[in-house]
PDB file of all heavy atoms in Angstrom:
ATOM      1  N   ALA A   1       5.848  -2.615   2.355  1.00  0.00           N
ATOM      2  CA  ALA A   1       4.473  -2.457   2.845  1.00  0.00           C
ATOM      3  C   ALA A   1       3.938  -1.058   2.552  1.00  0.00           C
ATOM      4  O   ALA A   1       2.792  -0.895   2.125  1.00  0.00           O
ATOM      5  CB  ALA A   1       4.415  -2.733   4.344  1.00  0.00           C
ATOM      6  N   LEU A   2       4.767  -0.048   2.770  1.00  0.00           N
ATOM      7  CA  LEU A   2       4.320   1.337   2.588  1.00  0.00           C
ATOM      8  C   LEU A   2       4.076   1.679   1.120  1.00  0.00           C
ATOM      9  O   LEU A   2       3.266   2.556   0.816  1.00  0.00           O
ATOM     10  CB  LEU A   2       5.343   2.303   3.191  1.00  0.00           C
ATOM     11  CG  LEU A   2       5.563   2.176   4.700  1.00  0.00           C
ATOM     12  CD1 LEU A   2       6.709   3.071   5.147  1.00  0.00           C
ATOM     13  CD2 LEU A   2       4.295   2.486   5.473  1.00  0.00           C
ATOM     14  N   THR A   3       4.773   1.017   0.219  1.00  0.00           N
ATOM     15  CA  THR A   3       4.608   1.307  -1.210  1.00  0.00           C
ATOM     16  C   THR A   3       3.671   0.330  -1.910  1.00  0.00           C
ATOM     17  O   THR A   3       3.423   0.478  -3.107  1.00  0.00           O
ATOM     18  CB  THR A   3       5.967   1.317  -1.939  1.00  0.00           C
ATOM     19  OG1 THR A   3       6.573   0.034  -1.793  1.00  0.00           O
ATOM     20  CG2 THR A   3       6.875   2.392  -1.398  1.00  0.00           C
ATOM     21  N   ALA A   4       3.156  -0.667  -1.202  1.00  0.00           N
ATOM     22  CA  ALA A   4       2.302  -1.694  -1.820  1.00  0.00           C
ATOM     23  C   ALA A   4       1.153  -1.115  -2.657  1.00  0.00           C
ATOM     24  O   ALA A   4       0.927  -1.586  -3.768  1.00  0.00           O
ATOM     25  CB  ALA A   4       1.783  -2.654  -0.759  1.00  0.00           C
ATOM     26  N   PRO A   5       0.426  -0.106  -2.193  1.00  0.00           N
ATOM     27  CA  PRO A   5      -0.682   0.394  -3.005  1.00  0.00           C
ATOM     28  C   PRO A   5      -0.294   1.465  -4.031  1.00  0.00           C
ATOM     29  O   PRO A   5      -1.144   1.968  -4.756  1.00  0.00           O
ATOM     30  CB  PRO A   5      -1.637   0.981  -1.966  1.00  0.00           C
ATOM     31  CG  PRO A   5      -0.783   1.369  -0.829  1.00  0.00           C
ATOM     32  CD  PRO A   5       0.382   0.413  -0.832  1.00  0.00           C
ATOM     33  N   PHE A   6       0.973   1.803  -4.103  1.00  0.00           N
ATOM     34  CA  PHE A   6       1.428   2.875  -4.986  1.00  0.00           C
ATOM     35  C   PHE A   6       2.377   2.307  -6.041  1.00  0.00           C
ATOM     36  O   PHE A   6       3.432   1.776  -5.688  1.00  0.00           O
ATOM     37  CB  PHE A   6       2.142   3.967  -4.180  1.00  0.00           C
ATOM     38  CG  PHE A   6       1.283   4.549  -3.095  1.00  0.00           C
ATOM     39  CD1 PHE A   6       1.378   4.077  -1.793  1.00  0.00           C
ATOM     40  CD2 PHE A   6       0.370   5.547  -3.374  1.00  0.00           C
ATOM     41  CE1 PHE A   6       0.584   4.593  -0.783  1.00  0.00           C
ATOM     42  CE2 PHE A   6      -0.430   6.066  -2.373  1.00  0.00           C
ATOM     43  CZ  PHE A   6      -0.328   5.597  -1.075  1.00  0.00           C
ATOM     44  N   PRO A   7       2.049   2.429  -7.338  1.00  0.00           N
ATOM     45  CA  PRO A   7       2.876   1.806  -8.377  1.00  0.00           C
ATOM     46  C   PRO A   7       4.234   2.456  -8.586  1.00  0.00           C
ATOM     47  O   PRO A   7       5.180   1.787  -8.948  1.00  0.00           O
ATOM     48  CB  PRO A   7       2.024   1.931  -9.636  1.00  0.00           C
ATOM     49  CG  PRO A   7       1.156   3.102  -9.389  1.00  0.00           C
ATOM     50  CD  PRO A   7       0.907   3.110  -7.902  1.00  0.00           C
ATOM     51  N   GLY A   8       4.354   3.724  -8.354  1.00  0.00           N
ATOM     52  CA  GLY A   8       5.628   4.418  -8.545  1.00  0.00           C
ATOM     53  C   GLY A   8       5.391   5.819  -9.065  1.00  0.00           C
ATOM     54  O   GLY A   8       4.291   6.167  -9.476  1.00  0.00           O
ATOM     55  N   PRO A   9       6.420   6.650  -9.081  1.00  0.00           N
ATOM     56  CA  PRO A   9       6.252   8.028  -9.518  1.00  0.00           C
ATOM     57  C   PRO A   9       5.900   8.114 -11.002  1.00  0.00           C
ATOM     58  O   PRO A   9       6.491   7.427 -11.834  1.00  0.00           O
ATOM     59  CB  PRO A   9       7.606   8.676  -9.230  1.00  0.00           C
ATOM     60  CG  PRO A   9       8.567   7.541  -9.152  1.00  0.00           C
ATOM     61  CD  PRO A   9       7.793   6.348  -8.707  1.00  0.00           C
ATOM     62  N   GLY A  10       4.934   8.942 -11.313  1.00  0.00           N
ATOM     63  CA  GLY A  10       4.553   9.198 -12.695  1.00  0.00           C
ATOM     64  C   GLY A  10       3.766   8.082 -13.352  1.00  0.00           C
ATOM     65  O   GLY A  10       3.476   8.143 -14.535  1.00  0.00           O
ATOM     66  N   GLU A  11       3.411   7.038 -12.606  1.00  0.00           N
ATOM     67  CA  GLU A  11       2.656   5.940 -13.180  1.00  0.00           C
ATOM     68  C   GLU A  11       1.168   6.118 -12.896  1.00  0.00           C
ATOM     69  O   GLU A  11       0.765   6.994 -12.141  1.00  0.00           O
ATOM     70  CB  GLU A  11       3.159   4.611 -12.619  1.00  0.00           C
ATOM     71  CG  GLU A  11       4.597   4.325 -13.018  1.00  0.00           C
ATOM     72  CD  GLU A  11       5.071   2.980 -12.506  1.00  0.00           C
ATOM     73  OE1 GLU A  11       4.240   2.082 -12.280  1.00  0.00           O
ATOM     74  OE2 GLU A  11       6.293   2.831 -12.353  1.00  0.00           O
ATOM     75  N   ILE A  12       0.365   5.272 -13.496  1.00  0.00           N
ATOM     76  CA  ILE A  12      -1.075   5.363 -13.302  1.00  0.00           C
ATOM     77  C   ILE A  12      -1.436   5.071 -11.848  1.00  0.00           C
ATOM     78  O   ILE A  12      -0.693   4.419 -11.133  1.00  0.00           O
ATOM     79  CB  ILE A  12      -1.823   4.391 -14.234  1.00  0.00           C
ATOM     80  CG1 ILE A  12      -1.436   2.949 -13.923  1.00  0.00           C
ATOM     81  CG2 ILE A  12      -1.575   4.716 -15.677  1.00  0.00           C
ATOM     82  CD1 ILE A  12      -2.309   1.922 -14.607  1.00  0.00           C
ATOM     83  N   VAL A  13      -2.593   5.534 -11.454  1.00  0.00           N
ATOM     84  CA  VAL A  13      -3.082   5.292 -10.099  1.00  0.00           C
ATOM     85  C   VAL A  13      -3.873   3.984 -10.118  1.00  0.00           C
ATOM     86  O   VAL A  13      -4.894   3.882 -10.795  1.00  0.00           O
ATOM     87  CB  VAL A  13      -3.967   6.463  -9.620  1.00  0.00           C
ATOM     88  CG1 VAL A  13      -4.562   6.164  -8.258  1.00  0.00           C
ATOM     89  CG2 VAL A  13      -3.170   7.745  -9.594  1.00  0.00           C
ATOM     90  N   LEU A  14      -3.377   2.995  -9.411  1.00  0.00           N
ATOM     91  CA  LEU A  14      -4.061   1.703  -9.375  1.00  0.00           C
ATOM     92  C   LEU A  14      -5.240   1.704  -8.418  1.00  0.00           C
ATOM     93  O   LEU A  14      -6.226   1.024  -8.641  1.00  0.00           O
ATOM     94  CB  LEU A  14      -3.081   0.602  -8.960  1.00  0.00           C
ATOM     95  CG  LEU A  14      -1.954   0.303  -9.929  1.00  0.00           C
ATOM     96  CD1 LEU A  14      -1.024  -0.754  -9.334  1.00  0.00           C
ATOM     97  CD2 LEU A  14      -2.502  -0.168 -11.261  1.00  0.00           C
ATOM     98  N   TYR A  15      -5.114   2.433  -7.327  1.00  0.00           N
ATOM     99  CA  TYR A  15      -6.137   2.448  -6.290  1.00  0.00           C
ATOM    100  C   TYR A  15      -6.522   3.890  -5.983  1.00  0.00           C
ATOM    101  O   TYR A  15      -5.931   4.523  -5.116  1.00  0.00           O
ATOM    102  CB  TYR A  15      -5.627   1.749  -5.026  1.00  0.00           C
ATOM    103  CG  TYR A  15      -5.089   0.365  -5.289  1.00  0.00           C
ATOM    104  CD1 TYR A  15      -3.724   0.125  -5.349  1.00  0.00           C
ATOM    105  CD2 TYR A  15      -5.958  -0.693  -5.511  1.00  0.00           C
ATOM    106  CE1 TYR A  15      -3.234  -1.142  -5.608  1.00  0.00           C
ATOM    107  CE2 TYR A  15      -5.475  -1.965  -5.777  1.00  0.00           C
ATOM    108  CZ  TYR A  15      -4.112  -2.179  -5.817  1.00  0.00           C
ATOM    109  OH  TYR A  15      -3.632  -3.428  -6.084  1.00  0.00           O
ATOM    110  N   PRO A  16      -7.532   4.429  -6.676  1.00  0.00           N
ATOM    111  CA  PRO A  16      -7.896   5.830  -6.454  1.00  0.00           C
ATOM    112  C   PRO A  16      -8.579   6.091  -5.110  1.00  0.00           C
ATOM    113  O   PRO A  16      -8.573   7.205  -4.612  1.00  0.00           O
ATOM    114  CB  PRO A  16      -8.839   6.147  -7.609  1.00  0.00           C
ATOM    115  CG  PRO A  16      -9.347   4.827  -8.077  1.00  0.00           C
ATOM    116  CD  PRO A  16      -8.295   3.816  -7.745  1.00  0.00           C
ATOM    117  N   ASP A  17      -9.137   5.051  -4.505  1.00  0.00           N
ATOM    118  CA  ASP A  17      -9.846   5.202  -3.232  1.00  0.00           C
ATOM    119  C   ASP A  17      -8.852   5.216  -2.068  1.00  0.00           C
ATOM    120  O   ASP A  17      -8.095   4.263  -1.881  1.00  0.00           O
ATOM    121  CB  ASP A  17     -10.826   4.046  -3.070  1.00  0.00           C
ATOM    122  CG  ASP A  17     -11.600   4.093  -1.765  1.00  0.00           C
ATOM    123  OD1 ASP A  17     -11.661   5.172  -1.142  1.00  0.00           O
ATOM    124  OD2 ASP A  17     -12.131   3.046  -1.358  1.00  0.00           O
ATOM    125  N   PRO A  18      -8.836   6.294  -1.260  1.00  0.00           N
ATOM    126  CA  PRO A  18      -7.888   6.361  -0.149  1.00  0.00           C
ATOM    127  C   PRO A  18      -8.086   5.253   0.888  1.00  0.00           C
ATOM    128  O   PRO A  18      -7.123   4.799   1.496  1.00  0.00           O
ATOM    129  CB  PRO A  18      -8.114   7.737   0.463  1.00  0.00           C
ATOM    130  CG  PRO A  18      -9.412   8.208  -0.058  1.00  0.00           C
ATOM    131  CD  PRO A  18      -9.659   7.497  -1.345  1.00  0.00           C
ATOM    132  N   VAL A  19      -9.304   4.792   1.072  1.00  0.00           N
ATOM    133  CA  VAL A  19      -9.549   3.713   2.027  1.00  0.00           C
ATOM    134  C   VAL A  19      -8.906   2.424   1.524  1.00  0.00           C
ATOM    135  O   VAL A  19      -8.276   1.692   2.289  1.00  0.00           O
ATOM    136  CB  VAL A  19     -11.060   3.516   2.288  1.00  0.00           C
ATOM    137  CG1 VAL A  19     -11.311   2.290   3.160  1.00  0.00           C
ATOM    138  CG2 VAL A  19     -11.658   4.752   2.927  1.00  0.00           C
ATOM    139  N   GLU A  20      -9.001   2.166   0.232  1.00  0.00           N
ATOM    140  CA  GLU A  20      -8.391   0.963  -0.328  1.00  0.00           C
ATOM    141  C   GLU A  20      -6.867   1.021  -0.243  1.00  0.00           C
ATOM    142  O   GLU A  20      -6.219   0.034   0.115  1.00  0.00           O
ATOM    143  CB  GLU A  20      -8.832   0.783  -1.777  1.00  0.00           C
ATOM    144  CG  GLU A  20      -8.471  -0.562  -2.339  1.00  0.00           C
ATOM    145  CD  GLU A  20      -9.109  -0.827  -3.686  1.00  0.00           C
ATOM    146  OE1 GLU A  20      -9.712   0.079  -4.283  1.00  0.00           O
ATOM    147  OE2 GLU A  20      -8.984  -1.969  -4.150  1.00  0.00           O
ATOM    148  N   ARG A  21      -6.283   2.191  -0.538  1.00  0.00           N
ATOM    149  CA  ARG A  21      -4.826   2.333  -0.421  1.00  0.00           C
ATOM    150  C   ARG A  21      -4.376   2.080   1.015  1.00  0.00           C
ATOM    151  O   ARG A  21      -3.410   1.359   1.265  1.00  0.00           O
ATOM    152  CB  ARG A  21      -4.385   3.729  -0.864  1.00  0.00           C
ATOM    153  CG  ARG A  21      -4.396   3.947  -2.346  1.00  0.00           C
ATOM    154  CD  ARG A  21      -3.697   5.231  -2.720  1.00  0.00           C
ATOM    155  NE  ARG A  21      -4.245   6.415  -2.089  1.00  0.00           N
ATOM    156  CZ  ARG A  21      -5.187   7.200  -2.618  1.00  0.00           C
ATOM    157  NH1 ARG A  21      -5.695   6.919  -3.794  1.00  0.00           N
ATOM    158  NH2 ARG A  21      -5.606   8.259  -1.977  1.00  0.00           N
ATOM    159  N   ALA A  22      -5.085   2.679   1.960  1.00  0.00           N
ATOM    160  CA  ALA A  22      -4.729   2.508   3.367  1.00  0.00           C
ATOM    161  C   ALA A  22      -4.911   1.053   3.795  1.00  0.00           C
ATOM    162  O   ALA A  22      -4.095   0.519   4.546  1.00  0.00           O
ATOM    163  CB  ALA A  22      -5.572   3.442   4.236  1.00  0.00           C
ATOM    164  N   ALA A  23      -5.958   0.411   3.311  1.00  0.00           N
ATOM    165  CA  ALA A  23      -6.211  -0.987   3.663  1.00  0.00           C
ATOM    166  C   ALA A  23      -5.113  -1.902   3.125  1.00  0.00           C
ATOM    167  O   ALA A  23      -4.680  -2.827   3.811  1.00  0.00           O
ATOM    168  CB  ALA A  23      -7.574  -1.429   3.122  1.00  0.00           C
ATOM    169  N   ILE A  24      -4.647  -1.641   1.918  1.00  0.00           N
ATOM    170  CA  ILE A  24      -3.580  -2.458   1.330  1.00  0.00           C
ATOM    171  C   ILE A  24      -2.293  -2.280   2.126  1.00  0.00           C
ATOM    172  O   ILE A  24      -1.588  -3.260   2.416  1.00  0.00           O
ATOM    173  CB  ILE A  24      -3.394  -2.105  -0.155  1.00  0.00           C
ATOM    174  CG1 ILE A  24      -4.613  -2.588  -0.950  1.00  0.00           C
ATOM    175  CG2 ILE A  24      -2.107  -2.706  -0.705  1.00  0.00           C
ATOM    176  CD1 ILE A  24      -4.693  -2.053  -2.358  1.00  0.00           C
ATOM    177  N   CYS A  25      -1.976  -1.068   2.504  1.00  0.00           N
ATOM    178  CA  CYS A  25      -0.789  -0.804   3.316  1.00  0.00           C
ATOM    179  C   CYS A  25      -0.927  -1.482   4.687  1.00  0.00           C
ATOM    180  O   CYS A  25       0.001  -2.133   5.171  1.00  0.00           O
ATOM    181  CB  CYS A  25      -0.586   0.697   3.460  1.00  0.00           C
ATOM    182  SG  CYS A  25       0.901   1.158   4.352  1.00  0.00           S
ATOM    183  N   PHE A  26      -2.078  -1.348   5.300  1.00  0.00           N
ATOM    184  CA  PHE A  26      -2.398  -1.951   6.590  1.00  0.00           C
ATOM    185  C   PHE A  26      -2.179  -3.468   6.525  1.00  0.00           C
ATOM    186  O   PHE A  26      -1.488  -4.053   7.377  1.00  0.00           O
ATOM    187  CB  PHE A  26      -3.867  -1.599   6.880  1.00  0.00           C
ATOM    188  CG  PHE A  26      -4.482  -2.144   8.133  1.00  0.00           C
ATOM    189  CD1 PHE A  26      -3.978  -1.837   9.382  1.00  0.00           C
ATOM    190  CD2 PHE A  26      -5.631  -2.913   8.056  1.00  0.00           C
ATOM    191  CE1 PHE A  26      -4.597  -2.295  10.536  1.00  0.00           C
ATOM    192  CE2 PHE A  26      -6.257  -3.376   9.205  1.00  0.00           C
ATOM    193  CZ  PHE A  26      -5.736  -3.069  10.445  1.00  0.00           C
ATOM    194  N   ALA A  27      -2.728  -4.090   5.479  1.00  0.00           N
ATOM    195  CA  ALA A  27      -2.591  -5.537   5.302  1.00  0.00           C
ATOM    196  C   ALA A  27      -1.140  -5.936   5.091  1.00  0.00           C
ATOM    197  O   ALA A  27      -0.677  -6.943   5.638  1.00  0.00           O
ATOM    198  CB  ALA A  27      -3.443  -5.986   4.111  1.00  0.00           C
ATOM    199  N   ALA A  28      -0.408  -5.151   4.318  1.00  0.00           N
ATOM    200  CA  ALA A  28       0.990  -5.476   4.023  1.00  0.00           C
ATOM    201  C   ALA A  28       1.866  -5.389   5.273  1.00  0.00           C
ATOM    202  O   ALA A  28       2.756  -6.219   5.472  1.00  0.00           O
ATOM    203  CB  ALA A  28       1.522  -4.549   2.935  1.00  0.00           C
ATOM    204  N   ILE A  29       1.614  -4.421   6.130  1.00  0.00           N
ATOM    205  CA  ILE A  29       2.400  -4.309   7.369  1.00  0.00           C
ATOM    206  C   ILE A  29       2.167  -5.533   8.248  1.00  0.00           C
ATOM    207  O   ILE A  29       3.109  -6.101   8.802  1.00  0.00           O
ATOM    208  CB  ILE A  29       2.072  -3.003   8.128  1.00  0.00           C
ATOM    209  CG1 ILE A  29       2.546  -1.788   7.334  1.00  0.00           C
ATOM    210  CG2 ILE A  29       2.703  -3.007   9.525  1.00  0.00           C
ATOM    211  CD1 ILE A  29       2.027  -0.457   7.859  1.00  0.00           C
ATOM    212  N   ILE A  30       0.916  -5.953   8.355  1.00  0.00           N
ATOM    213  CA  ILE A  30       0.601  -7.117   9.189  1.00  0.00           C
ATOM    214  C   ILE A  30       1.248  -8.374   8.608  1.00  0.00           C
ATOM    215  O   ILE A  30       1.832  -9.168   9.345  1.00  0.00           O
ATOM    216  CB  ILE A  30      -0.923  -7.287   9.324  1.00  0.00           C
ATOM    217  CG1 ILE A  30      -1.515  -6.126  10.137  1.00  0.00           C
ATOM    218  CG2 ILE A  30      -1.266  -8.630   9.989  1.00  0.00           C
ATOM    219  CD1 ILE A  30      -3.025  -6.082  10.153  1.00  0.00           C
ATOM    220  N   ARG A  31       1.173  -8.541   7.294  1.00  0.00           N
ATOM    221  CA  ARG A  31       1.713  -9.762   6.672  1.00  0.00           C
ATOM    222  C   ARG A  31       3.236  -9.769   6.599  1.00  0.00           C
ATOM    223  O   ARG A  31       3.869 -10.790   6.824  1.00  0.00           O
ATOM    224  CB  ARG A  31       1.156  -9.932   5.258  1.00  0.00           C
ATOM    225  CG  ARG A  31      -0.197 -10.549   5.198  1.00  0.00           C
ATOM    226  CD  ARG A  31      -0.116 -12.081   5.264  1.00  0.00           C
ATOM    227  NE  ARG A  31      -1.393 -12.695   5.459  1.00  0.00           N
ATOM    228  CZ  ARG A  31      -2.186 -13.095   4.496  1.00  0.00           C
ATOM    229  NH1 ARG A  31      -1.861 -12.908   3.244  1.00  0.00           N
ATOM    230  NH2 ARG A  31      -3.322 -13.679   4.781  1.00  0.00           N
ATOM    231  N   LEU A  32       3.852  -8.634   6.270  1.00  0.00           N
ATOM    232  CA  LEU A  32       5.305  -8.603   6.089  1.00  0.00           C
ATOM    233  C   LEU A  32       6.069  -8.534   7.410  1.00  0.00           C
ATOM    234  O   LEU A  32       7.257  -8.849   7.445  1.00  0.00           O
ATOM    235  CB  LEU A  32       5.702  -7.440   5.176  1.00  0.00           C
ATOM    236  CG  LEU A  32       5.226  -7.561   3.731  1.00  0.00           C
ATOM    237  CD1 LEU A  32       5.558  -6.296   2.958  1.00  0.00           C
ATOM    238  CD2 LEU A  32       5.832  -8.778   3.065  1.00  0.00           C
ATOM    239  N   ARG A  33       5.415  -8.050   8.453  1.00  0.00           N
ATOM    240  CA  ARG A  33       6.011  -7.989   9.793  1.00  0.00           C
ATOM    241  C   ARG A  33       7.387  -7.309   9.810  1.00  0.00           C
ATOM    242  O   ARG A  33       8.396  -7.938  10.119  1.00  0.00           O
ATOM    243  CB  ARG A  33       6.090  -9.388  10.394  1.00  0.00           C
ATOM    244  CG  ARG A  33       4.750 -10.103  10.462  1.00  0.00           C
ATOM    245  CD  ARG A  33       4.804 -11.449  11.119  1.00  0.00           C
ATOM    246  NE  ARG A  33       5.399 -11.446  12.435  1.00  0.00           N
ATOM    247  CZ  ARG A  33       4.810 -11.033  13.564  1.00  0.00           C
ATOM    248  NH1 ARG A  33       3.591 -10.577  13.515  1.00  0.00           N
ATOM    249  NH2 ARG A  33       5.446 -11.087  14.713  1.00  0.00           N
ATOM    250  N   PRO A  34       7.439  -6.014   9.519  1.00  0.00           N
ATOM    251  CA  PRO A  34       8.728  -5.321   9.521  1.00  0.00           C
ATOM    252  C   PRO A  34       9.289  -5.035  10.916  1.00  0.00           C
ATOM    253  O   PRO A  34      10.433  -4.608  11.044  1.00  0.00           O
ATOM    254  CB  PRO A  34       8.424  -4.008   8.796  1.00  0.00           C
ATOM    255  CG  PRO A  34       6.966  -3.782   9.014  1.00  0.00           C
ATOM    256  CD  PRO A  34       6.348  -5.153   9.079  1.00  0.00           C
ATOM    257  N   LEU A  35       8.504  -5.308  11.943  1.00  0.00           N
ATOM    258  CA  LEU A  35       8.914  -5.026  13.320  1.00  0.00           C
ATOM    259  C   LEU A  35       9.034  -6.320  14.121  1.00  0.00           C
ATOM    260  O   LEU A  35       8.338  -7.290  13.826  1.00  0.00           O
ATOM    261  CB  LEU A  35       7.872  -4.121  13.993  1.00  0.00           C
ATOM    262  CG  LEU A  35       7.568  -2.817  13.264  1.00  0.00           C
ATOM    263  CD1 LEU A  35       6.310  -2.183  13.815  1.00  0.00           C
ATOM    264  CD2 LEU A  35       8.732  -1.877  13.370  1.00  0.00           C
ATOM    265  N   PRO A  36       9.858  -6.317  15.160  1.00  0.00           N
ATOM    266  CA  PRO A  36       9.972  -7.531  15.982  1.00  0.00           C
ATOM    267  C   PRO A  36       8.696  -7.829  16.780  1.00  0.00           C
ATOM    268  O   PRO A  36       8.424  -8.973  17.110  1.00  0.00           O
ATOM    269  CB  PRO A  36      11.151  -7.238  16.905  1.00  0.00           C
ATOM    270  CG  PRO A  36      11.396  -5.782  16.829  1.00  0.00           C
ATOM    271  CD  PRO A  36      10.794  -5.281  15.558  1.00  0.00           C
TER     272      PRO A  36
END
């Protein structure tokens, strides 16, 4: 979930908008449910 909006070190930036990156991470945490 935390890496969903980030492609990896040294790679291109897929989501330059910080709101979009945060939204993708936010959505991934809700969907993946890493917590009980």
